[in-house]
């Protein structure tokens, strides 16, 4: 009896767990889709401040200038230590075995030649140390100036980094607003396109019945075509700004636009 009750509880638990997991997956999948005609893009993306900060953090141009500033900082340290190059310390130590072969001839009385040959071996070692200071006048006087130049390079790089950050801020804001504007245009041109399509259907019936001329029918067809083109351009502008914003910010928004 207890085993049957236990099995029933196990089956109910697994059923509820699977149902809950399927419901969560469906909810996640549903939130990934975005319809510009009904949804608001500003509510589906991170706040604009977060997008701006992410663009600055992931920007290679900003990172490049920061690395240059760090490099010039190390150059400043090297310039401050250049005076150590004017001091020199030499230490020399020599040791080993030397062999000598000597051979000589002499004729002291100009009639008898004397020859002498000798082979000598000696062990020798030598040690020498030397310390001297070389102080060129020009580099010594210009030392402070070289250090200040490296400091200015650091300031230049940091200033350029700030310029790049502000440029990114302006670009992110511009692209973000253009994307929001493109969504508004999608809605406007969608309504306009539906109206022109309905008008075109009426005009087609009237043209077949001979109620309007060919010129009037052609004019209405051009209006309908223009509305369709503007609608597609608005969708293209929205998608372009959406993708560009992902690249600049280094973020994946994971929204699937149902309009293509």
C-alpha atoms as a PDB file:
ATOM      1  CA  UNK A   1       0.000   0.000   0.000  1.00  0.00           C
ATOM      2  CA  UNK A   2       2.753   2.424   0.913  1.00  0.00           C
ATOM      3  CA  UNK A   3       4.676   1.617  -2.279  1.00  0.00           C
ATOM      4  CA  UNK A   4       1.644   2.504  -4.444  1.00  0.00           C
ATOM      5  CA  UNK A   5       1.214   5.809  -2.626  1.00  0.00           C
ATOM      6  CA  UNK A   6       4.895   6.571  -3.016  1.00  0.00           C
ATOM      7  CA  UNK A   7       4.773   5.852  -6.755  1.00  0.00           C
ATOM      8  CA  UNK A   8       1.773   8.143  -7.176  1.00  0.00           C
ATOM      9  CA  UNK A   9       3.583  11.007  -5.429  1.00  0.00           C
ATOM     10  CA  UNK A  10       6.667  10.439  -7.580  1.00  0.00           C
ATOM     11  CA  UNK A  11       4.628  10.559 -10.793  1.00  0.00           C
ATOM     12  CA  UNK A  12       2.836  13.738  -9.689  1.00  0.00           C
ATOM     13  CA  UNK A  13       6.110  15.378  -8.736  1.00  0.00           C
ATOM     14  CA  UNK A  14       7.731  14.560 -12.090  1.00  0.00           C
ATOM     15  CA  UNK A  15       4.667  15.759 -13.990  1.00  0.00           C
ATOM     16  CA  UNK A  16       4.626  19.086 -12.167  1.00  0.00           C
ATOM     17  CA  UNK A  17       8.381  19.511 -12.591  1.00  0.00           C
ATOM     18  CA  UNK A  18       8.281  18.826 -16.323  1.00  0.00           C
ATOM     19  CA  UNK A  19       5.275  21.112 -16.761  1.00  0.00           C
ATOM     20  CA  UNK A  20       6.979  23.888 -14.844  1.00  0.00           C
ATOM     21  CA  UNK A  21      10.187  23.507 -16.892  1.00  0.00           C
ATOM     22  CA  UNK A  22       8.235  23.586 -20.170  1.00  0.00           C
ATOM     23  CA  UNK A  23       6.376  26.677 -18.999  1.00  0.00           C
ATOM     24  CA  UNK A  24       9.614  28.421 -18.100  1.00  0.00           C
ATOM     25  CA  UNK A  25      11.191  27.524 -21.442  1.00  0.00           C
ATOM     26  CA  UNK A  26       8.177  28.802 -23.321  1.00  0.00           C
ATOM     27  CA  UNK A  27       8.319  32.012 -21.332  1.00  0.00           C
ATOM     28  CA  UNK A  28      12.028  32.469 -22.089  1.00  0.00           C
ATOM     29  CA  UNK A  29      11.525  31.755 -25.775  1.00  0.00           C
ATOM     30  CA  UNK A  30       8.607  34.150 -25.891  1.00  0.00           C
ATOM     31  CA  UNK A  31      10.604  36.975 -24.315  1.00  0.00           C
ATOM     32  CA  UNK A  32      13.260  36.591 -27.018  1.00  0.00           C
ATOM     33  CA  UNK A  33      10.905  37.721 -29.752  1.00  0.00           C
ATOM     34  CA  UNK A  34      10.400  41.399 -30.416  1.00  0.00           C
ATOM     35  CA  UNK A  35       7.701  42.953 -32.581  1.00  0.00           C
ATOM     36  CA  UNK A  36       8.385  46.624 -33.416  1.00  0.00           C
ATOM     37  CA  UNK A  37       4.691  47.119 -34.153  1.00  0.00           C
ATOM     38  CA  UNK A  38       3.538  46.216 -30.653  1.00  0.00           C
ATOM     39  CA  UNK A  39       6.580  46.182 -28.335  1.00  0.00           C
ATOM     40  CA  UNK A  40       8.638  49.136 -27.076  1.00  0.00           C
ATOM     41  CA  UNK A  41      12.353  48.774 -27.759  1.00  0.00           C
ATOM     42  CA  UNK A  42      13.273  51.129 -24.911  1.00  0.00           C
ATOM     43  CA  UNK A  43      11.733  48.677 -22.446  1.00  0.00           C
ATOM     44  CA  UNK A  44      13.504  45.644 -23.878  1.00  0.00           C
ATOM     45  CA  UNK A  45      17.052  47.034 -23.840  1.00  0.00           C
ATOM     46  CA  UNK A  46      19.262  48.087 -20.918  1.00  0.00           C
ATOM     47  CA  UNK A  47      19.082  51.765 -19.889  1.00  0.00           C
ATOM     48  CA  UNK A  48      20.917  54.228 -22.079  1.00  0.00           C
ATOM     49  CA  UNK A  49      23.443  54.958 -19.300  1.00  0.00           C
ATOM     50  CA  UNK A  50      24.353  51.265 -19.163  1.00  0.00           C
ATOM     51  CA  UNK A  51      24.786  51.143 -22.949  1.00  0.00           C
ATOM     52  CA  UNK A  52      27.094  54.161 -22.861  1.00  0.00           C
ATOM     53  CA  UNK A  53      29.233  52.720 -20.060  1.00  0.00           C
ATOM     54  CA  UNK A  54      29.438  49.350 -21.812  1.00  0.00           C
ATOM     55  CA  UNK A  55      30.581  51.017 -25.040  1.00  0.00           C
ATOM     56  CA  UNK A  56      33.358  52.854 -23.193  1.00  0.00           C
ATOM     57  CA  UNK A  57      34.426  49.724 -21.345  1.00  0.00           C
ATOM     58  CA  UNK A  58      34.587  47.549 -24.484  1.00  0.00           C
ATOM     59  CA  UNK A  59      36.021  50.166 -26.844  1.00  0.00           C
ATOM     60  CA  UNK A  60      39.425  49.194 -28.322  1.00  0.00           C
ATOM     61  CA  UNK A  61      40.241  52.861 -29.058  1.00  0.00           C
ATOM     62  CA  UNK A  62      39.764  53.836 -25.425  1.00  0.00           C
ATOM     63  CA  UNK A  63      41.782  50.811 -24.300  1.00  0.00           C
ATOM     64  CA  UNK A  64      44.538  51.717 -26.769  1.00  0.00           C
ATOM     65  CA  UNK A  65      44.955  55.228 -25.348  1.00  0.00           C
ATOM     66  CA  UNK A  66      44.956  53.887 -21.797  1.00  0.00           C
ATOM     67  CA  UNK A  67      47.739  51.468 -22.731  1.00  0.00           C
ATOM     68  CA  UNK A  68      49.682  54.335 -24.330  1.00  0.00           C
ATOM     69  CA  UNK A  69      49.346  56.366 -21.131  1.00  0.00           C
ATOM     70  CA  UNK A  70      50.641  53.396 -19.147  1.00  0.00           C
ATOM     71  CA  UNK A  71      53.558  52.996 -21.567  1.00  0.00           C
ATOM     72  CA  UNK A  72      54.493  56.666 -21.232  1.00  0.00           C
ATOM     73  CA  UNK A  73      54.364  56.277 -17.455  1.00  0.00           C
ATOM     74  CA  UNK A  74      57.082  53.627 -17.671  1.00  0.00           C
ATOM     75  CA  UNK A  75      59.002  55.883 -20.049  1.00  0.00           C
ATOM     76  CA  UNK A  76      58.831  58.592 -17.394  1.00  0.00           C
ATOM     77  CA  UNK A  77      60.320  56.211 -14.833  1.00  0.00           C
ATOM     78  CA  UNK A  78      63.124  55.334 -17.262  1.00  0.00           C
ATOM     79  CA  UNK A  79      63.834  59.027 -17.895  1.00  0.00           C
ATOM     80  CA  UNK A  80      64.074  59.600 -14.147  1.00  0.00           C
ATOM     81  CA  UNK A  81      66.603  56.753 -13.834  1.00  0.00           C
ATOM     82  CA  UNK A  82      68.830  57.707 -16.734  1.00  0.00           C
ATOM     83  CA  UNK A  83      71.336  59.296 -14.350  1.00  0.00           C
ATOM     84  CA  UNK A  84      72.385  55.779 -13.309  1.00  0.00           C
ATOM     85  CA  UNK A  85      73.929  55.305 -16.762  1.00  0.00           C
ATOM     86  CA  UNK A  86      76.627  57.848 -15.872  1.00  0.00           C
ATOM     87  CA  UNK A  87      78.109  55.550 -13.185  1.00  0.00           C
ATOM     88  CA  UNK A  88      80.206  52.582 -14.316  1.00  0.00           C
ATOM     89  CA  UNK A  89      81.696  49.731 -12.290  1.00  0.00           C
ATOM     90  CA  UNK A  90      84.024  47.206 -13.930  1.00  0.00           C
ATOM     91  CA  UNK A  91      85.206  43.983 -12.275  1.00  0.00           C
ATOM     92  CA  UNK A  92      87.724  41.751 -14.096  1.00  0.00           C
ATOM     93  CA  UNK A  93      89.158  38.440 -12.921  1.00  0.00           C
ATOM     94  CA  UNK A  94      91.584  36.297 -14.949  1.00  0.00           C
ATOM     95  CA  UNK A  95      93.142  32.959 -14.033  1.00  0.00           C
ATOM     96  CA  UNK A  96      94.790  30.039 -15.861  1.00  0.00           C
ATOM     97  CA  UNK A  97      97.912  28.209 -16.906  1.00  0.00           C
ATOM     98  CA  UNK A  98     100.400  29.633 -19.374  1.00  0.00           C
ATOM     99  CA  UNK A  99     103.166  27.710 -21.208  1.00  0.00           C
ATOM    100  CA  UNK A 100     106.170  29.386 -22.871  1.00  0.00           C
ATOM    101  CA  UNK A 101     108.673  27.981 -25.396  1.00  0.00           C
ATOM    102  CA  UNK A 102     111.799  30.126 -25.781  1.00  0.00           C
ATOM    103  CA  UNK A 103     114.625  29.608 -28.261  1.00  0.00           C
ATOM    104  CA  UNK A 104     117.531  31.972 -28.768  1.00  0.00           C
ATOM    105  CA  UNK A 105     120.841  32.125 -30.647  1.00  0.00           C
ATOM    106  CA  UNK A 106     123.810  34.339 -29.959  1.00  0.00           C
ATOM    107  CA  UNK A 107     127.393  34.809 -31.202  1.00  0.00           C
ATOM    108  CA  UNK A 108     129.233  36.905 -28.619  1.00  0.00           C
ATOM    109  CA  UNK A 109     132.692  36.494 -30.229  1.00  0.00           C
ATOM    110  CA  UNK A 110     131.421  36.492 -33.800  1.00  0.00           C
ATOM    111  CA  UNK A 111     132.823  33.050 -34.343  1.00  0.00           C
ATOM    112  CA  UNK A 112     130.954  30.687 -31.994  1.00  0.00           C
ATOM    113  CA  UNK A 113     127.130  30.446 -32.129  1.00  0.00           C
ATOM    114  CA  UNK A 114     125.338  29.557 -28.949  1.00  0.00           C
ATOM    115  CA  UNK A 115     121.776  28.124 -29.037  1.00  0.00           C
ATOM    116  CA  UNK A 116     119.430  28.067 -26.014  1.00  0.00           C
ATOM    117  CA  UNK A 117     115.973  26.498 -25.731  1.00  0.00           C
ATOM    118  CA  UNK A 118     113.710  26.526 -22.693  1.00  0.00           C
ATOM    119  CA  UNK A 119     110.110  25.461 -21.914  1.00  0.00           C
ATOM    120  CA  UNK A 120     108.423  27.245 -19.019  1.00  0.00           C
ATOM    121  CA  UNK A 121     105.013  26.736 -17.401  1.00  0.00           C
ATOM    122  CA  UNK A 122     103.419  29.216 -15.018  1.00  0.00           C
ATOM    123  CA  UNK A 123     100.119  29.634 -13.157  1.00  0.00           C
ATOM    124  CA  UNK A 124      98.810  33.145 -12.956  1.00  0.00           C
ATOM    125  CA  UNK A 125      95.722  34.933 -11.707  1.00  0.00           C
ATOM    126  CA  UNK A 126      94.748  38.552 -11.894  1.00  0.00           C
ATOM    127  CA  UNK A 127      91.911  40.668 -10.476  1.00  0.00           C
ATOM    128  CA  UNK A 128      91.065  44.253 -11.294  1.00  0.00           C
ATOM    129  CA  UNK A 129      88.233  46.611 -10.303  1.00  0.00           C
ATOM    130  CA  UNK A 130      87.439  50.064 -11.541  1.00  0.00           C
ATOM    131  CA  UNK A 131      84.749  52.622 -10.830  1.00  0.00           C
ATOM    132  CA  UNK A 132      84.298  55.869 -12.670  1.00  0.00           C
ATOM    133  CA  UNK A 133      81.692  58.554 -13.189  1.00  0.00           C
ATOM    134  CA  UNK A 134      80.915  60.174 -16.527  1.00  0.00           C
ATOM    135  CA  UNK A 135      78.738  63.274 -16.205  1.00  0.00           C
ATOM    136  CA  UNK A 136      77.812  64.825 -19.601  1.00  0.00           C
ATOM    137  CA  UNK A 137      76.566  68.367 -19.171  1.00  0.00           C
ATOM    138  CA  UNK A 138      73.732  68.334 -21.737  1.00  0.00           C
ATOM    139  CA  UNK A 139      71.758  65.286 -20.511  1.00  0.00           C
ATOM    140  CA  UNK A 140      72.212  66.356 -16.890  1.00  0.00           C
ATOM    141  CA  UNK A 141      70.749  69.804 -17.560  1.00  0.00           C
ATOM    142  CA  UNK A 142      67.951  68.380 -19.782  1.00  0.00           C
ATOM    143  CA  UNK A 143      66.923  65.600 -17.367  1.00  0.00           C
ATOM    144  CA  UNK A 144      63.989  67.476 -15.839  1.00  0.00           C
ATOM    145  CA  UNK A 145      62.762  68.503 -19.286  1.00  0.00           C
ATOM    146  CA  UNK A 146      62.720  64.875 -20.517  1.00  0.00           C
ATOM    147  CA  UNK A 147      60.728  63.792 -17.478  1.00  0.00           C
ATOM    148  CA  UNK A 148      58.215  66.593 -18.050  1.00  0.00           C
ATOM    149  CA  UNK A 149      57.836  65.582 -21.716  1.00  0.00           C
ATOM    150  CA  UNK A 150      56.896  62.038 -20.705  1.00  0.00           C
ATOM    151  CA  UNK A 151      54.360  63.448 -18.246  1.00  0.00           C
ATOM    152  CA  UNK A 152      52.823  65.495 -21.058  1.00  0.00           C
ATOM    153  CA  UNK A 153      52.584  62.399 -23.241  1.00  0.00           C
ATOM    154  CA  UNK A 154      50.650  60.735 -20.425  1.00  0.00           C
ATOM    155  CA  UNK A 155      48.295  63.718 -20.249  1.00  0.00           C
ATOM    156  CA  UNK A 156      47.855  63.669 -24.031  1.00  0.00           C
ATOM    157  CA  UNK A 157      46.937  59.970 -24.030  1.00  0.00           C
ATOM    158  CA  UNK A 158      44.497  60.350 -21.151  1.00  0.00           C
ATOM    159  CA  UNK A 159      42.914  63.364 -22.852  1.00  0.00           C
ATOM    160  CA  UNK A 160      42.583  61.422 -26.114  1.00  0.00           C
ATOM    161  CA  UNK A 161      41.004  58.572 -24.174  1.00  0.00           C
ATOM    162  CA  UNK A 162      38.431  60.992 -22.763  1.00  0.00           C
ATOM    163  CA  UNK A 163      37.784  62.353 -26.271  1.00  0.00           C
ATOM    164  CA  UNK A 164      37.154  58.806 -27.501  1.00  0.00           C
ATOM    165  CA  UNK A 165      34.787  58.155 -24.612  1.00  0.00           C
ATOM    166  CA  UNK A 166      32.748  61.266 -25.360  1.00  0.00           C
ATOM    167  CA  UNK A 167      32.645  60.396 -29.043  1.00  0.00           C
ATOM    168  CA  UNK A 168      31.340  56.940 -28.144  1.00  0.00           C
ATOM    169  CA  UNK A 169      28.741  58.461 -25.840  1.00  0.00           C
ATOM    170  CA  UNK A 170      27.491  60.726 -28.595  1.00  0.00           C
ATOM    171  CA  UNK A 171      27.454  57.874 -31.102  1.00  0.00           C
ATOM    172  CA  UNK A 172      25.600  55.489 -28.790  1.00  0.00           C
ATOM    173  CA  UNK A 173      23.015  58.173 -27.993  1.00  0.00           C
ATOM    174  CA  UNK A 174      22.631  58.977 -31.694  1.00  0.00           C
ATOM    175  CA  UNK A 175      22.228  55.346 -32.759  1.00  0.00           C
ATOM    176  CA  UNK A 176      19.869  54.636 -29.862  1.00  0.00           C
ATOM    177  CA  UNK A 177      17.603  57.569 -30.771  1.00  0.00           C
ATOM    178  CA  UNK A 178      17.730  56.687 -34.473  1.00  0.00           C
ATOM    179  CA  UNK A 179      16.637  53.154 -33.595  1.00  0.00           C
ATOM    180  CA  UNK A 180      13.731  54.478 -31.503  1.00  0.00           C
ATOM    181  CA  UNK A 181      12.817  56.840 -34.339  1.00  0.00           C
ATOM    182  CA  UNK A 182      12.991  53.986 -36.849  1.00  0.00           C
ATOM    183  CA  UNK A 183      10.563  51.978 -34.730  1.00  0.00           C
ATOM    184  CA  UNK A 184       8.127  54.902 -34.762  1.00  0.00           C
ATOM    185  CA  UNK A 185       8.487  55.123 -38.533  1.00  0.00           C
ATOM    186  CA  UNK A 186       7.793  51.392 -38.828  1.00  0.00           C
ATOM    187  CA  UNK A 187       4.475  51.861 -37.054  1.00  0.00           C
ATOM    188  CA  UNK A 188       3.576  54.947 -39.111  1.00  0.00           C
ATOM    189  CA  UNK A 189       4.488  53.408 -42.460  1.00  0.00           C
ATOM    190  CA  UNK A 190       2.784  50.165 -41.515  1.00  0.00           C
ATOM    191  CA  UNK A 191      -0.496  52.019 -41.036  1.00  0.00           C
ATOM    192  CA  UNK A 192       0.144  54.015 -44.187  1.00  0.00           C
ATOM    193  CA  UNK A 193       0.951  50.847 -46.146  1.00  0.00           C
ATOM    194  CA  UNK A 194      -2.235  49.133 -44.968  1.00  0.00           C
ATOM    195  CA  UNK A 195      -4.270  52.185 -45.971  1.00  0.00           C
ATOM    196  CA  UNK A 196      -2.663  52.388 -49.427  1.00  0.00           C
ATOM    197  CA  UNK A 197      -3.125  48.657 -49.981  1.00  0.00           C
ATOM    198  CA  UNK A 198      -6.809  48.938 -49.134  1.00  0.00           C
ATOM    199  CA  UNK A 199      -7.057  52.000 -51.366  1.00  0.00           C
ATOM    200  CA  UNK A 200      -5.284  50.102 -54.146  1.00  0.00           C
ATOM    201  CA  UNK A 201      -7.730  47.216 -53.923  1.00  0.00           C
ATOM    202  CA  UNK A 202     -10.636  49.635 -54.281  1.00  0.00           C
ATOM    203  CA  UNK A 203      -8.883  51.390 -57.161  1.00  0.00           C
ATOM    204  CA  UNK A 204      -8.294  48.063 -58.896  1.00  0.00           C
ATOM    205  CA  UNK A 205     -11.997  47.230 -58.771  1.00  0.00           C
ATOM    206  CA  UNK A 206     -12.895  50.697 -59.975  1.00  0.00           C
ATOM    207  CA  UNK A 207     -10.356  50.435 -62.792  1.00  0.00           C
ATOM    208  CA  UNK A 208     -11.757  47.084 -63.916  1.00  0.00           C
ATOM    209  CA  UNK A 209     -15.264  48.575 -63.850  1.00  0.00           C
ATOM    210  CA  UNK A 210     -14.063  51.555 -65.848  1.00  0.00           C
ATOM    211  CA  UNK A 211     -14.815  54.062 -63.107  1.00  0.00           C
ATOM    212  CA  UNK A 212     -11.266  55.549 -63.030  1.00  0.00           C
ATOM    213  CA  UNK A 213      -8.731  56.192 -65.748  1.00  0.00           C
ATOM    214  CA  UNK A 214      -5.409  54.501 -66.280  1.00  0.00           C
ATOM    215  CA  UNK A 215      -3.567  57.622 -65.168  1.00  0.00           C
ATOM    216  CA  UNK A 216      -5.442  57.706 -61.861  1.00  0.00           C
ATOM    217  CA  UNK A 217      -4.838  54.003 -61.327  1.00  0.00           C
ATOM    218  CA  UNK A 218      -1.115  54.496 -62.026  1.00  0.00           C
ATOM    219  CA  UNK A 219      -0.933  57.404 -59.577  1.00  0.00           C
ATOM    220  CA  UNK A 220      -2.532  55.336 -56.813  1.00  0.00           C
ATOM    221  CA  UNK A 221      -0.186  52.432 -57.596  1.00  0.00           C
ATOM    222  CA  UNK A 222       2.838  54.729 -57.214  1.00  0.00           C
ATOM    223  CA  UNK A 223       1.527  55.903 -53.840  1.00  0.00           C
ATOM    224  CA  UNK A 224       1.104  52.310 -52.704  1.00  0.00           C
ATOM    225  CA  UNK A 225       4.599  51.369 -53.932  1.00  0.00           C
ATOM    226  CA  UNK A 226       6.169  54.373 -52.218  1.00  0.00           C
ATOM    227  CA  UNK A 227       4.512  53.411 -48.930  1.00  0.00           C
ATOM    228  CA  UNK A 228       5.835  49.838 -49.218  1.00  0.00           C
ATOM    229  CA  UNK A 229       9.366  51.084 -49.950  1.00  0.00           C
ATOM    230  CA  UNK A 230       9.318  53.489 -46.991  1.00  0.00           C
ATOM    231  CA  UNK A 231       8.096  50.683 -44.735  1.00  0.00           C
ATOM    232  CA  UNK A 232      10.973  48.399 -45.793  1.00  0.00           C
ATOM    233  CA  UNK A 233      13.495  51.228 -45.367  1.00  0.00           C
ATOM    234  CA  UNK A 234      12.245  51.857 -41.819  1.00  0.00           C
ATOM    235  CA  UNK A 235      12.659  48.142 -40.974  1.00  0.00           C
ATOM    236  CA  UNK A 236      16.155  48.143 -42.483  1.00  0.00           C
ATOM    237  CA  UNK A 237      17.143  51.271 -40.529  1.00  0.00           C
ATOM    238  CA  UNK A 238      15.859  49.737 -37.300  1.00  0.00           C
ATOM    239  CA  UNK A 239      17.768  46.484 -37.812  1.00  0.00           C
ATOM    240  CA  UNK A 240      20.955  48.327 -38.820  1.00  0.00           C
ATOM    241  CA  UNK A 241      20.927  50.531 -35.716  1.00  0.00           C
ATOM    242  CA  UNK A 242      20.071  47.551 -33.510  1.00  0.00           C
ATOM    243  CA  UNK A 243      23.037  45.536 -34.830  1.00  0.00           C
ATOM    244  CA  UNK A 244      25.381  48.538 -34.704  1.00  0.00           C
ATOM    245  CA  UNK A 245      24.436  49.152 -31.093  1.00  0.00           C
ATOM    246  CA  UNK A 246      25.312  45.553 -30.256  1.00  0.00           C
ATOM    247  CA  UNK A 247      28.749  45.929 -31.866  1.00  0.00           C
ATOM    248  CA  UNK A 248      29.575  49.264 -30.215  1.00  0.00           C
ATOM    249  CA  UNK A 249      28.430  48.258 -26.727  1.00  0.00           C
ATOM    250  CA  UNK A 250      29.810  44.725 -26.920  1.00  0.00           C
ATOM    251  CA  UNK A 251      26.478  43.391 -25.638  1.00  0.00           C
ATOM    252  CA  UNK A 252      24.107  40.774 -27.025  1.00  0.00           C
ATOM    253  CA  UNK A 253      20.489  41.845 -26.566  1.00  0.00           C
ATOM    254  CA  UNK A 254      19.139  38.447 -27.715  1.00  0.00           C
ATOM    255  CA  UNK A 255      16.023  39.893 -29.336  1.00  0.00           C
ATOM    256  CA  UNK A 256      14.590  38.234 -32.421  1.00  0.00           C
ATOM    257  CA  UNK A 257      12.804  40.791 -34.560  1.00  0.00           C
ATOM    258  CA  UNK A 258       9.736  39.310 -36.222  1.00  0.00           C
ATOM    259  CA  UNK A 259       9.864  41.914 -39.022  1.00  0.00           C
ATOM    260  CA  UNK A 260      12.538  41.405 -41.658  1.00  0.00           C
END
